[in-house]
Amino acid sequence: MKKAFLFVIMSILLLPANFASDGGLEIEMPEEITAGDLFTIEVNVKNNVEVCGFECELKIPLEEQDNFEIVNVTGNNEIGEKAGQFYEIKTTKSGVLNRFTVFDEPVAEDFHAFTVQLKALNSGDNTITFVSECADMDGNAIPVDTVEKELTVLVNPELELKNNDSLSNLIKSILNFFFGG
């Protein structure tokens, strides 16, 4: 009897961890791009439980926000229709938040969460973080592993040359203003 009780308790405790170990976020994005390039991030969910609530946030760290411009965000129209007014995609300078709640029909298969198109503005090494959480039909939280993706933005020689030309033209204009031209 004690063994059966212990087995039931252990099963309940391990159930939420099941999603994190077998399922979770699948992020498709490049590892390296060039400054000035447009690139796409696909956020998909490998799902092995019935999900009624979902939230995922793409986070760009404060010190890296000037390195990217969010150009476009598209969500999952099918889930959006099921969730109705309980479906949201919010875009800020620091990232994207996608969340939904469905009441009648839980999502029981893998699904596409959202797609983000960004433009790389500056070169450097960057980290983009994806934080997510799901909920089952009873409203119990199902933890999802946080995913961090590294993205290297290479120097674009054309942009560097253009920036140097702009600086050179600015200096010439200032000199011409003060000393005549």
N, C-alpha and C. Protein backbone atom coordinates (compact mmCIF):
# COMPACT_ATOMS: atom_id res chain seq x y z
N MET A 1 0.83 -1.19 0.00
CA MET A 1 0.00 0.00 0.00
C MET A 1 0.87 1.25 0.00
N LYS A 2 1.92 1.25 0.84
CA LYS A 2 2.80 2.40 0.89
C LYS A 2 3.52 2.60 -0.43
N LYS A 3 3.90 1.49 -1.08
CA LYS A 3 4.59 1.58 -2.36
C LYS A 3 3.67 2.17 -3.43
N ALA A 4 2.42 1.76 -3.45
CA ALA A 4 1.46 2.29 -4.42
C ALA A 4 1.25 3.78 -4.20
N PHE A 5 1.10 4.17 -2.93
CA PHE A 5 0.92 5.58 -2.60
C PHE A 5 2.14 6.40 -3.03
N LEU A 6 3.34 5.88 -2.75
CA LEU A 6 4.57 6.54 -3.13
C LEU A 6 4.67 6.66 -4.65
N PHE A 7 4.27 5.62 -5.37
CA PHE A 7 4.29 5.65 -6.83
C PHE A 7 3.36 6.75 -7.37
N VAL A 8 2.16 6.84 -6.83
CA VAL A 8 1.19 7.86 -7.27
C VAL A 8 1.75 9.27 -7.00
N ILE A 9 2.31 9.49 -5.83
CA ILE A 9 2.88 10.81 -5.48
C ILE A 9 4.03 11.15 -6.42
N MET A 10 4.92 10.21 -6.67
CA MET A 10 6.06 10.46 -7.56
C MET A 10 5.59 10.75 -8.98
N SER A 11 4.54 10.05 -9.44
CA SER A 11 4.01 10.29 -10.77
C SER A 11 3.46 11.69 -10.90
N ILE A 12 2.75 12.13 -9.88
CA ILE A 12 2.19 13.49 -9.90
C ILE A 12 3.30 14.53 -9.90
N LEU A 13 4.33 14.33 -9.12
CA LEU A 13 5.43 15.28 -9.05
C LEU A 13 6.23 15.34 -10.34
N LEU A 14 6.34 14.23 -11.03
CA LEU A 14 7.13 14.18 -12.25
C LEU A 14 6.35 14.60 -13.49
N LEU A 15 5.04 14.66 -13.42
CA LEU A 15 4.22 15.00 -14.57
C LEU A 15 4.58 16.35 -15.19
N PRO A 16 4.66 17.45 -14.43
CA PRO A 16 5.01 18.73 -15.05
C PRO A 16 6.40 18.72 -15.68
N ALA A 17 7.34 18.00 -15.12
CA ALA A 17 8.69 17.95 -15.67
C ALA A 17 8.71 17.23 -17.00
N ASN A 18 7.68 16.43 -17.26
CA ASN A 18 7.61 15.67 -18.49
C ASN A 18 7.59 16.59 -19.71
N PHE A 19 6.87 17.68 -19.66
CA PHE A 19 6.81 18.61 -20.78
C PHE A 19 8.18 19.20 -21.05
N ALA A 20 8.86 19.61 -20.00
CA ALA A 20 10.16 20.24 -20.17
C ALA A 20 11.18 19.27 -20.74
N SER A 21 11.09 17.98 -20.38
CA SER A 21 12.10 17.04 -20.87
C SER A 21 11.80 16.53 -22.27
N ASP A 22 10.54 16.25 -22.60
CA ASP A 22 10.20 15.70 -23.90
C ASP A 22 9.73 16.77 -24.88
N GLY A 23 9.20 17.85 -24.37
CA GLY A 23 8.68 18.90 -25.23
C GLY A 23 9.47 20.16 -25.01
N GLY A 24 8.89 21.25 -25.38
CA GLY A 24 9.54 22.53 -25.15
C GLY A 24 9.61 23.38 -26.40
N LEU A 25 10.36 24.46 -26.28
CA LEU A 25 10.50 25.39 -27.39
C LEU A 25 11.53 24.90 -28.40
N GLU A 26 11.19 25.06 -29.65
CA GLU A 26 12.13 24.81 -30.74
C GLU A 26 12.28 26.14 -31.49
N ILE A 27 13.47 26.68 -31.44
CA ILE A 27 13.75 27.99 -32.03
C ILE A 27 14.57 27.80 -33.29
N GLU A 28 14.07 28.34 -34.38
CA GLU A 28 14.80 28.30 -35.64
C GLU A 28 15.25 29.73 -35.95
N MET A 29 16.57 29.91 -35.99
CA MET A 29 17.13 31.23 -36.30
C MET A 29 18.59 31.04 -36.71
N PRO A 30 19.13 32.00 -37.44
CA PRO A 30 20.54 31.88 -37.82
C PRO A 30 21.45 32.09 -36.61
N GLU A 31 22.67 31.59 -36.73
CA GLU A 31 23.67 31.82 -35.68
C GLU A 31 24.56 33.00 -36.02
N GLU A 32 24.60 33.35 -37.33
CA GLU A 32 25.49 34.43 -37.76
C GLU A 32 24.86 35.15 -38.93
N ILE A 33 24.85 36.47 -38.86
CA ILE A 33 24.33 37.32 -39.93
C ILE A 33 25.24 38.53 -40.06
N THR A 34 24.93 39.39 -41.01
CA THR A 34 25.71 40.61 -41.24
C THR A 34 24.84 41.82 -40.89
N ALA A 35 25.45 42.84 -40.31
CA ALA A 35 24.72 44.07 -39.98
C ALA A 35 24.01 44.58 -41.23
N GLY A 36 22.75 44.97 -41.06
CA GLY A 36 21.95 45.45 -42.17
C GLY A 36 21.01 44.38 -42.72
N ASP A 37 21.28 43.11 -42.39
CA ASP A 37 20.46 42.00 -42.89
C ASP A 37 19.14 41.88 -42.15
N LEU A 38 18.12 41.43 -42.88
CA LEU A 38 16.86 41.01 -42.28
C LEU A 38 16.99 39.52 -41.99
N PHE A 39 16.45 39.07 -40.86
CA PHE A 39 16.47 37.65 -40.55
C PHE A 39 15.19 37.29 -39.82
N THR A 40 14.90 35.98 -39.80
CA THR A 40 13.65 35.49 -39.25
C THR A 40 13.91 34.54 -38.09
N ILE A 41 13.08 34.65 -37.07
CA ILE A 41 13.09 33.72 -35.95
C ILE A 41 11.73 33.03 -35.92
N GLU A 42 11.74 31.70 -35.97
CA GLU A 42 10.53 30.88 -35.87
C GLU A 42 10.48 30.27 -34.48
N VAL A 43 9.39 30.46 -33.77
CA VAL A 43 9.22 29.88 -32.44
C VAL A 43 8.13 28.82 -32.53
N ASN A 44 8.54 27.56 -32.32
CA ASN A 44 7.63 26.42 -32.37
C ASN A 44 7.63 25.73 -31.01
N VAL A 45 6.55 25.00 -30.74
CA VAL A 45 6.43 24.29 -29.47
C VAL A 45 6.25 22.81 -29.76
N LYS A 46 7.15 22.03 -29.22
CA LYS A 46 7.01 20.57 -29.28
C LYS A 46 6.19 20.20 -28.05
N ASN A 47 4.99 19.73 -28.29
CA ASN A 47 4.01 19.59 -27.23
C ASN A 47 3.64 18.13 -27.02
N ASN A 48 3.67 17.68 -25.78
CA ASN A 48 3.26 16.30 -25.49
C ASN A 48 2.20 16.23 -24.39
N VAL A 49 1.57 17.35 -24.09
CA VAL A 49 0.48 17.40 -23.11
C VAL A 49 -0.64 18.28 -23.68
N GLU A 50 -1.80 18.27 -23.04
CA GLU A 50 -2.88 19.15 -23.47
C GLU A 50 -2.66 20.52 -22.85
N VAL A 51 -2.45 21.51 -23.69
CA VAL A 51 -2.16 22.87 -23.24
C VAL A 51 -3.39 23.74 -23.43
N CYS A 52 -3.80 24.41 -22.34
CA CYS A 52 -4.91 25.36 -22.41
C CYS A 52 -4.43 26.79 -22.31
N GLY A 53 -3.26 26.99 -21.72
CA GLY A 53 -2.68 28.31 -21.61
C GLY A 53 -1.23 28.27 -22.04
N PHE A 54 -0.79 29.32 -22.69
CA PHE A 54 0.57 29.38 -23.19
C PHE A 54 1.05 30.83 -23.17
N GLU A 55 2.31 31.00 -22.80
CA GLU A 55 2.93 32.32 -22.84
C GLU A 55 4.40 32.13 -23.21
N CYS A 56 4.85 32.93 -24.16
CA CYS A 56 6.26 32.89 -24.55
C CYS A 56 6.72 34.31 -24.83
N GLU A 57 7.87 34.65 -24.27
CA GLU A 57 8.42 35.99 -24.47
C GLU A 57 9.82 35.88 -25.07
N LEU A 58 10.01 36.54 -26.18
CA LEU A 58 11.32 36.70 -26.79
C LEU A 58 11.90 37.96 -26.17
N LYS A 59 13.05 37.84 -25.52
CA LYS A 59 13.64 38.97 -24.81
C LYS A 59 14.98 39.36 -25.42
N ILE A 60 15.10 40.64 -25.75
CA ILE A 60 16.38 41.21 -26.18
C ILE A 60 16.92 41.98 -24.99
N PRO A 61 18.13 41.64 -24.51
CA PRO A 61 18.68 42.34 -23.34
C PRO A 61 18.78 43.85 -23.57
N LEU A 62 18.62 44.60 -22.49
CA LEU A 62 18.62 46.06 -22.54
C LEU A 62 19.84 46.61 -23.28
N GLU A 63 21.01 46.07 -22.99
CA GLU A 63 22.24 46.59 -23.61
C GLU A 63 22.35 46.22 -25.09
N GLU A 64 21.46 45.35 -25.60
CA GLU A 64 21.51 44.94 -27.01
C GLU A 64 20.31 45.43 -27.81
N GLN A 65 19.41 46.19 -27.20
CA GLN A 65 18.18 46.60 -27.88
C GLN A 65 18.44 47.49 -29.09
N ASP A 66 19.50 48.28 -29.06
CA ASP A 66 19.80 49.13 -30.20
C ASP A 66 20.44 48.37 -31.35
N ASN A 67 20.69 47.09 -31.17
CA ASN A 67 21.29 46.27 -32.21
C ASN A 67 20.27 45.69 -33.17
N PHE A 68 18.97 45.77 -32.80
CA PHE A 68 17.92 45.15 -33.61
C PHE A 68 16.72 46.06 -33.77
N GLU A 69 16.05 45.87 -34.88
CA GLU A 69 14.75 46.51 -35.11
C GLU A 69 13.76 45.39 -35.43
N ILE A 70 12.68 45.32 -34.68
CA ILE A 70 11.64 44.32 -34.97
C ILE A 70 10.81 44.87 -36.12
N VAL A 71 10.83 44.14 -37.24
CA VAL A 71 10.18 44.60 -38.47
C VAL A 71 8.75 44.08 -38.57
N ASN A 72 8.56 42.79 -38.22
CA ASN A 72 7.24 42.19 -38.40
C ASN A 72 7.08 41.01 -37.43
N VAL A 73 5.86 40.81 -36.95
CA VAL A 73 5.55 39.67 -36.10
C VAL A 73 4.24 39.07 -36.59
N THR A 74 4.23 37.74 -36.76
CA THR A 74 2.99 37.05 -37.13
C THR A 74 2.78 35.91 -36.15
N GLY A 75 1.53 35.70 -35.80
CA GLY A 75 1.19 34.65 -34.85
C GLY A 75 0.59 33.45 -35.53
N ASN A 76 -0.06 32.61 -34.75
CA ASN A 76 -0.71 31.41 -35.24
C ASN A 76 -2.20 31.72 -35.37
N ASN A 77 -2.67 31.91 -36.60
CA ASN A 77 -4.06 32.30 -36.84
C ASN A 77 -5.05 31.26 -36.35
N GLU A 78 -4.73 29.98 -36.50
CA GLU A 78 -5.64 28.91 -36.08
C GLU A 78 -5.85 28.95 -34.56
N ILE A 79 -4.77 29.08 -33.81
CA ILE A 79 -4.90 29.18 -32.35
C ILE A 79 -5.55 30.51 -31.98
N GLY A 80 -5.24 31.55 -32.72
CA GLY A 80 -5.86 32.85 -32.48
C GLY A 80 -7.38 32.80 -32.61
N GLU A 81 -7.86 32.04 -33.60
CA GLU A 81 -9.31 31.89 -33.77
C GLU A 81 -9.92 31.11 -32.61
N LYS A 82 -9.23 30.04 -32.16
CA LYS A 82 -9.74 29.24 -31.04
C LYS A 82 -9.77 30.06 -29.74
N ALA A 83 -8.75 30.85 -29.53
CA ALA A 83 -8.63 31.61 -28.27
C ALA A 83 -9.44 32.90 -28.30
N GLY A 84 -9.72 33.42 -29.48
CA GLY A 84 -10.51 34.65 -29.60
C GLY A 84 -9.87 35.82 -28.88
N GLN A 85 -10.62 36.44 -27.98
CA GLN A 85 -10.12 37.62 -27.26
C GLN A 85 -9.01 37.29 -26.28
N PHE A 86 -8.77 36.00 -26.06
CA PHE A 86 -7.72 35.59 -25.13
C PHE A 86 -6.42 35.24 -25.86
N TYR A 87 -6.23 35.83 -27.02
CA TYR A 87 -5.00 35.65 -27.80
C TYR A 87 -4.34 37.02 -27.94
N GLU A 88 -3.05 37.07 -27.68
CA GLU A 88 -2.36 38.37 -27.72
C GLU A 88 -0.93 38.20 -28.24
N ILE A 89 -0.55 39.13 -29.09
CA ILE A 89 0.87 39.29 -29.46
C ILE A 89 1.18 40.76 -29.24
N LYS A 90 2.17 41.01 -28.40
CA LYS A 90 2.56 42.38 -28.09
C LYS A 90 4.04 42.55 -28.45
N THR A 91 4.34 43.63 -29.14
CA THR A 91 5.71 43.92 -29.55
C THR A 91 6.20 45.18 -28.85
N THR A 92 7.41 45.11 -28.30
CA THR A 92 8.07 46.26 -27.70
C THR A 92 9.49 46.33 -28.26
N LYS A 93 10.22 47.36 -27.90
CA LYS A 93 11.61 47.47 -28.33
C LYS A 93 12.45 46.33 -27.76
N SER A 94 12.04 45.81 -26.62
CA SER A 94 12.83 44.77 -25.95
C SER A 94 12.40 43.35 -26.31
N GLY A 95 11.38 43.19 -27.17
CA GLY A 95 11.01 41.84 -27.57
C GLY A 95 9.57 41.67 -27.97
N VAL A 96 9.14 40.41 -27.90
CA VAL A 96 7.79 40.03 -28.32
C VAL A 96 7.18 39.14 -27.24
N LEU A 97 5.91 39.37 -26.93
CA LEU A 97 5.17 38.54 -25.99
C LEU A 97 3.99 37.92 -26.73
N ASN A 98 3.87 36.60 -26.68
CA ASN A 98 2.76 35.88 -27.30
C ASN A 98 2.09 35.05 -26.20
N ARG A 99 0.78 35.18 -26.05
CA ARG A 99 0.08 34.38 -25.06
C ARG A 99 -1.34 34.11 -25.52
N PHE A 100 -1.84 32.97 -25.05
CA PHE A 100 -3.23 32.62 -25.35
C PHE A 100 -3.78 31.70 -24.27
N THR A 101 -5.10 31.68 -24.21
CA THR A 101 -5.82 30.74 -23.37
C THR A 101 -6.98 30.19 -24.21
N VAL A 102 -7.10 28.88 -24.25
CA VAL A 102 -8.24 28.25 -24.93
C VAL A 102 -9.03 27.48 -23.88
N PHE A 103 -10.35 27.53 -24.01
CA PHE A 103 -11.20 26.91 -23.00
C PHE A 103 -11.88 25.65 -23.50
N ASP A 104 -12.32 25.63 -24.74
CA ASP A 104 -13.11 24.51 -25.26
C ASP A 104 -12.26 23.35 -25.75
N GLU A 105 -11.17 23.66 -26.38
CA GLU A 105 -10.38 22.64 -27.06
C GLU A 105 -8.90 22.84 -26.80
N PRO A 106 -8.31 22.09 -25.87
CA PRO A 106 -6.89 22.26 -25.58
C PRO A 106 -6.02 21.90 -26.79
N VAL A 107 -4.85 22.48 -26.85
CA VAL A 107 -3.90 22.19 -27.93
C VAL A 107 -3.10 20.97 -27.48
N ALA A 108 -3.24 19.88 -28.24
CA ALA A 108 -2.61 18.63 -27.82
C ALA A 108 -1.50 18.17 -28.77
N GLU A 109 -1.16 18.99 -29.75
CA GLU A 109 -0.11 18.62 -30.70
C GLU A 109 0.93 19.72 -30.77
N ASP A 110 2.03 19.44 -31.46
CA ASP A 110 3.05 20.46 -31.68
C ASP A 110 2.40 21.65 -32.38
N PHE A 111 2.88 22.87 -32.08
CA PHE A 111 2.30 24.03 -32.76
C PHE A 111 3.33 25.12 -32.98
N HIS A 112 3.02 25.95 -33.96
CA HIS A 112 3.82 27.13 -34.25
C HIS A 112 3.31 28.27 -33.37
N ALA A 113 4.19 28.91 -32.62
CA ALA A 113 3.76 30.00 -31.74
C ALA A 113 3.76 31.33 -32.50
N PHE A 114 4.92 31.74 -33.01
CA PHE A 114 4.99 33.00 -33.76
C PHE A 114 6.26 33.07 -34.57
N THR A 115 6.27 34.03 -35.50
CA THR A 115 7.42 34.31 -36.35
C THR A 115 7.76 35.78 -36.19
N VAL A 116 9.04 36.07 -36.03
CA VAL A 116 9.50 37.46 -35.89
C VAL A 116 10.53 37.73 -36.98
N GLN A 117 10.35 38.84 -37.66
CA GLN A 117 11.37 39.28 -38.63
C GLN A 117 12.06 40.49 -38.02
N LEU A 118 13.38 40.44 -37.96
CA LEU A 118 14.18 41.51 -37.38
C LEU A 118 15.22 41.99 -38.38
N LYS A 119 15.70 43.19 -38.12
CA LYS A 119 16.81 43.73 -38.89
C LYS A 119 17.97 43.95 -37.93
N ALA A 120 19.14 43.46 -38.31
CA ALA A 120 20.33 43.65 -37.50
C ALA A 120 20.90 45.02 -37.81
N LEU A 121 21.03 45.86 -36.80
CA LEU A 121 21.49 47.23 -37.00
C LEU A 121 22.97 47.41 -36.72
N ASN A 122 23.51 46.68 -35.75
CA ASN A 122 24.90 46.85 -35.33
C ASN A 122 25.58 45.50 -35.20
N SER A 123 26.88 45.50 -35.40
CA SER A 123 27.64 44.25 -35.26
C SER A 123 27.92 43.96 -33.79
N GLY A 124 28.18 42.69 -33.50
CA GLY A 124 28.51 42.27 -32.15
C GLY A 124 27.92 40.91 -31.82
N ASP A 125 28.25 40.43 -30.64
CA ASP A 125 27.71 39.16 -30.14
C ASP A 125 26.48 39.46 -29.29
N ASN A 126 25.40 38.72 -29.53
CA ASN A 126 24.13 38.98 -28.88
C ASN A 126 23.53 37.69 -28.34
N THR A 127 22.71 37.83 -27.31
CA THR A 127 21.97 36.70 -26.76
C THR A 127 20.49 37.06 -26.78
N ILE A 128 19.70 36.19 -27.37
CA ILE A 128 18.25 36.36 -27.38
C ILE A 128 17.67 35.24 -26.52
N THR A 129 16.82 35.62 -25.57
CA THR A 129 16.28 34.66 -24.60
C THR A 129 14.79 34.44 -24.86
N PHE A 130 14.38 33.19 -24.72
CA PHE A 130 12.99 32.81 -24.90
C PHE A 130 12.52 32.18 -23.59
N VAL A 131 11.56 32.85 -22.92
CA VAL A 131 11.03 32.38 -21.64
C VAL A 131 9.57 32.00 -21.89
N SER A 132 9.20 30.80 -21.44
CA SER A 132 7.87 30.32 -21.74
C SER A 132 7.28 29.54 -20.57
N GLU A 133 5.95 29.47 -20.57
CA GLU A 133 5.25 28.67 -19.58
C GLU A 133 3.92 28.23 -20.19
N CYS A 134 3.50 27.05 -19.82
CA CYS A 134 2.21 26.52 -20.28
C CYS A 134 1.34 26.21 -19.07
N ALA A 135 0.06 25.98 -19.34
CA ALA A 135 -0.86 25.56 -18.29
C ALA A 135 -1.75 24.46 -18.84
N ASP A 136 -2.10 23.51 -17.97
CA ASP A 136 -2.98 22.42 -18.37
C ASP A 136 -4.44 22.82 -18.18
N MET A 137 -5.34 21.87 -18.37
CA MET A 137 -6.79 22.15 -18.30
C MET A 137 -7.23 22.60 -16.92
N ASP A 138 -6.47 22.22 -15.88
CA ASP A 138 -6.83 22.61 -14.53
C ASP A 138 -6.14 23.90 -14.09
N GLY A 139 -5.39 24.51 -15.00
CA GLY A 139 -4.70 25.75 -14.67
C GLY A 139 -3.36 25.54 -13.99
N ASN A 140 -2.91 24.29 -13.91
CA ASN A 140 -1.62 24.01 -13.30
C ASN A 140 -0.49 24.42 -14.25
N ALA A 141 0.51 25.08 -13.70
CA ALA A 141 1.64 25.51 -14.51
C ALA A 141 2.45 24.30 -14.97
N ILE A 142 2.85 24.35 -16.22
CA ILE A 142 3.73 23.34 -16.79
C ILE A 142 5.01 24.06 -17.17
N PRO A 143 6.09 23.84 -16.45
CA PRO A 143 7.32 24.58 -16.75
C PRO A 143 7.89 24.20 -18.11
N VAL A 144 8.44 25.17 -18.76
CA VAL A 144 9.11 24.98 -20.04
C VAL A 144 10.51 25.55 -19.89
N ASP A 145 11.50 24.82 -20.35
CA ASP A 145 12.88 25.29 -20.22
C ASP A 145 13.09 26.60 -20.96
N THR A 146 13.81 27.52 -20.33
CA THR A 146 14.20 28.77 -20.98
C THR A 146 15.26 28.44 -22.02
N VAL A 147 15.17 29.10 -23.18
CA VAL A 147 16.13 28.86 -24.26
C VAL A 147 16.88 30.16 -24.52
N GLU A 148 18.20 30.08 -24.55
CA GLU A 148 19.03 31.22 -24.91
C GLU A 148 19.75 30.89 -26.21
N LYS A 149 19.65 31.80 -27.17
CA LYS A 149 20.30 31.60 -28.47
C LYS A 149 21.32 32.71 -28.68
N GLU A 150 22.49 32.31 -29.11
CA GLU A 150 23.56 33.27 -29.42
C GLU A 150 23.45 33.67 -30.88
N LEU A 151 23.66 34.94 -31.16
CA LEU A 151 23.61 35.45 -32.52
C LEU A 151 24.77 36.41 -32.72
N THR A 152 25.61 36.10 -33.67
CA THR A 152 26.75 36.96 -33.99
C THR A 152 26.37 37.80 -35.21
N VAL A 153 26.48 39.11 -35.05
CA VAL A 153 26.23 40.02 -36.16
C VAL A 153 27.59 40.54 -36.63
N LEU A 154 27.92 40.19 -37.87
CA LEU A 154 29.22 40.58 -38.43
C LEU A 154 29.17 42.01 -38.96
N VAL A 155 30.33 42.63 -39.03
CA VAL A 155 30.46 43.98 -39.58
C VAL A 155 30.13 43.93 -41.06
N ASN A 156 29.34 44.88 -41.52
CA ASN A 156 29.04 45.02 -42.94
C ASN A 156 29.96 46.10 -43.49
N PRO A 157 30.94 45.73 -44.33
CA PRO A 157 31.89 46.72 -44.84
C PRO A 157 31.23 47.89 -45.57
N GLU A 158 30.12 47.61 -46.27
CA GLU A 158 29.42 48.69 -46.98
C GLU A 158 28.84 49.70 -46.01
N LEU A 159 28.25 49.22 -44.91
CA LEU A 159 27.69 50.13 -43.91
C LEU A 159 28.80 50.91 -43.21
N GLU A 160 29.92 50.25 -42.90
CA GLU A 160 31.05 50.93 -42.26
C GLU A 160 31.59 52.03 -43.16
N LEU A 161 31.71 51.74 -44.47
CA LEU A 161 32.20 52.72 -45.43
C LEU A 161 31.24 53.90 -45.52
N LYS A 162 29.93 53.60 -45.53
CA LYS A 162 28.91 54.65 -45.59
C LYS A 162 28.98 55.52 -44.33
N ASN A 163 29.15 54.89 -43.16
CA ASN A 163 29.25 55.63 -41.90
C ASN A 163 30.51 56.51 -41.89
N ASN A 164 31.61 55.98 -42.40
CA ASN A 164 32.85 56.77 -42.47
C ASN A 164 32.69 57.93 -43.44
N ASP A 165 32.00 57.71 -44.58
CA ASP A 165 31.76 58.79 -45.53
C ASP A 165 30.88 59.87 -44.89
N SER A 166 29.89 59.49 -44.13
CA SER A 166 29.01 60.45 -43.46
C SER A 166 29.79 61.29 -42.46
N LEU A 167 30.65 60.65 -41.69
CA LEU A 167 31.48 61.37 -40.73
C LEU A 167 32.43 62.31 -41.45
N SER A 168 33.02 61.83 -42.52
CA SER A 168 33.94 62.65 -43.30
C SER A 168 33.21 63.87 -43.88
N ASN A 169 32.01 63.66 -44.40
CA ASN A 169 31.22 64.77 -44.95
C ASN A 169 30.81 65.75 -43.86
N LEU A 170 30.50 65.27 -42.67
CA LEU A 170 30.14 66.14 -41.55
C LEU A 170 31.33 67.02 -41.17
N ILE A 171 32.50 66.42 -41.08
CA ILE A 171 33.71 67.19 -40.73
C ILE A 171 34.00 68.24 -41.80
N LYS A 172 33.87 67.87 -43.07
CA LYS A 172 34.09 68.84 -44.15
C LYS A 172 33.10 69.99 -44.07
N SER A 173 31.84 69.67 -43.78
CA SER A 173 30.82 70.72 -43.67
C SER A 173 31.13 71.68 -42.53
N ILE A 174 31.55 71.15 -41.39
CA ILE A 174 31.89 72.01 -40.26
C ILE A 174 33.09 72.88 -40.58
N LEU A 175 34.12 72.30 -41.19
CA LEU A 175 35.30 73.08 -41.57
C LEU A 175 34.94 74.16 -42.58
N ASN A 176 34.09 73.83 -43.56
CA ASN A 176 33.66 74.81 -44.55
C ASN A 176 32.87 75.93 -43.90
N PHE A 177 32.05 75.60 -42.91
CA PHE A 177 31.26 76.61 -42.23
C PHE A 177 32.14 77.62 -41.50
N PHE A 178 33.15 77.12 -40.79
CA PHE A 178 34.01 78.00 -40.01
C PHE A 178 35.10 78.68 -40.82
N PHE A 179 35.61 78.00 -41.81
CA PHE A 179 36.76 78.55 -42.55
C PHE A 179 36.45 78.90 -43.98
N GLY A 180 35.20 78.76 -44.37
CA GLY A 180 34.82 79.09 -45.74
C GLY A 180 35.24 78.01 -46.70
N GLY A 181 34.63 77.98 -47.79
CA GLY A 181 34.96 76.87 -48.65
C GLY A 181 35.18 77.26 -49.99
